[in-house]
């Protein structure tokens, strides 16, 4: 995981986004998944290895802690 300026082509906002300004956007590039604050599109992104991201998302969906 690390902070970086991420020049990915396409960013997605969660379909669960309610428009309250507390959203993240996600971009995939190779083996990396980057996230950023949707209010600061030019700001720093936080990146994850795709496998770590998939585990994180599966835990969230299952109602488990983000890490074990």
Protein backbone atom coordinates (compact mmCIF):
# COMPACT_ATOMS: atom_id res chain seq x y z
CA UNK A 1 0.00 0.00 0.00
CA UNK A 2 1.28 3.49 -0.70
CA UNK A 3 0.44 7.07 -1.58
CA UNK A 4 0.97 8.13 -5.17
CA UNK A 5 -0.25 10.26 -8.00
CA UNK A 6 -2.09 7.72 -10.09
CA UNK A 7 -2.56 8.39 -13.80
CA UNK A 8 -5.13 5.72 -14.57
CA UNK A 9 -7.54 6.18 -17.42
CA UNK A 10 -10.86 5.30 -15.81
CA UNK A 11 -12.11 5.84 -12.26
CA UNK A 12 -15.32 4.31 -10.88
CA UNK A 13 -17.44 5.54 -8.02
CA UNK A 14 -19.29 3.01 -5.90
CA UNK A 15 -22.89 2.29 -6.84
CA UNK A 16 -23.56 2.66 -3.10
CA UNK A 17 -22.45 6.29 -3.24
CA UNK A 18 -25.21 8.44 -1.84
CA UNK A 19 -23.97 11.80 -3.07
CA UNK A 20 -23.12 13.00 0.46
CA UNK A 21 -19.50 13.73 -0.46
CA UNK A 22 -18.07 10.77 1.46
CA UNK A 23 -17.14 8.59 -1.49
CA UNK A 24 -14.08 6.95 -2.92
CA UNK A 25 -13.31 6.16 -6.51
CA UNK A 26 -11.47 3.07 -7.72
CA UNK A 27 -9.20 2.47 -10.69
CA UNK A 28 -7.59 -0.77 -11.88
CA UNK A 29 -4.23 -0.85 -13.64
CA UNK A 30 -2.54 -4.22 -14.02
CA UNK A 31 -1.98 -5.80 -10.62
CA UNK A 32 -2.74 -2.55 -8.78
CA UNK A 33 -6.01 -1.11 -7.50
CA UNK A 34 -5.92 2.59 -6.65
CA UNK A 35 -8.43 4.49 -4.55
CA UNK A 36 -8.91 8.23 -4.16
CA UNK A 37 -11.24 10.70 -2.53
CA UNK A 38 -13.92 11.61 -5.09
CA UNK A 39 -13.77 15.25 -3.93
CA UNK A 40 -10.04 15.49 -4.75
CA UNK A 41 -9.57 13.88 -8.16
CA UNK A 42 -6.11 15.43 -8.58
CA UNK A 43 -4.95 14.45 -5.09
CA UNK A 44 -2.98 11.49 -3.85
CA UNK A 45 -4.31 8.00 -4.41
CA UNK A 46 -3.76 5.00 -2.16
CA UNK A 47 -2.82 1.81 -3.97
CA UNK A 48 -3.22 -1.85 -3.11
CA UNK A 49 -2.08 -5.07 -4.72
CA UNK A 50 -5.11 -6.59 -6.44
CA UNK A 51 -5.09 -9.70 -4.23
CA UNK A 52 -5.10 -7.61 -1.04
CA UNK A 53 -7.91 -5.45 -2.44
CA UNK A 54 -9.99 -8.53 -3.29
CA UNK A 55 -9.59 -9.89 0.24
CA UNK A 56 -10.55 -6.50 1.72
CA UNK A 57 -13.69 -6.26 -0.44
CA UNK A 58 -14.73 -9.86 0.28
CA UNK A 59 -14.40 -9.23 4.02
CA UNK A 60 -16.49 -6.06 3.79
CA UNK A 61 -19.20 -7.85 1.80
CA UNK A 62 -19.27 -10.68 4.37
CA UNK A 63 -19.49 -8.25 7.28
CA UNK A 64 -16.06 -9.30 8.59
CA UNK A 65 -13.29 -7.02 9.86
CA UNK A 66 -11.18 -5.56 7.05
CA UNK A 67 -8.16 -7.54 8.26
CA UNK A 68 -7.65 -10.62 10.37
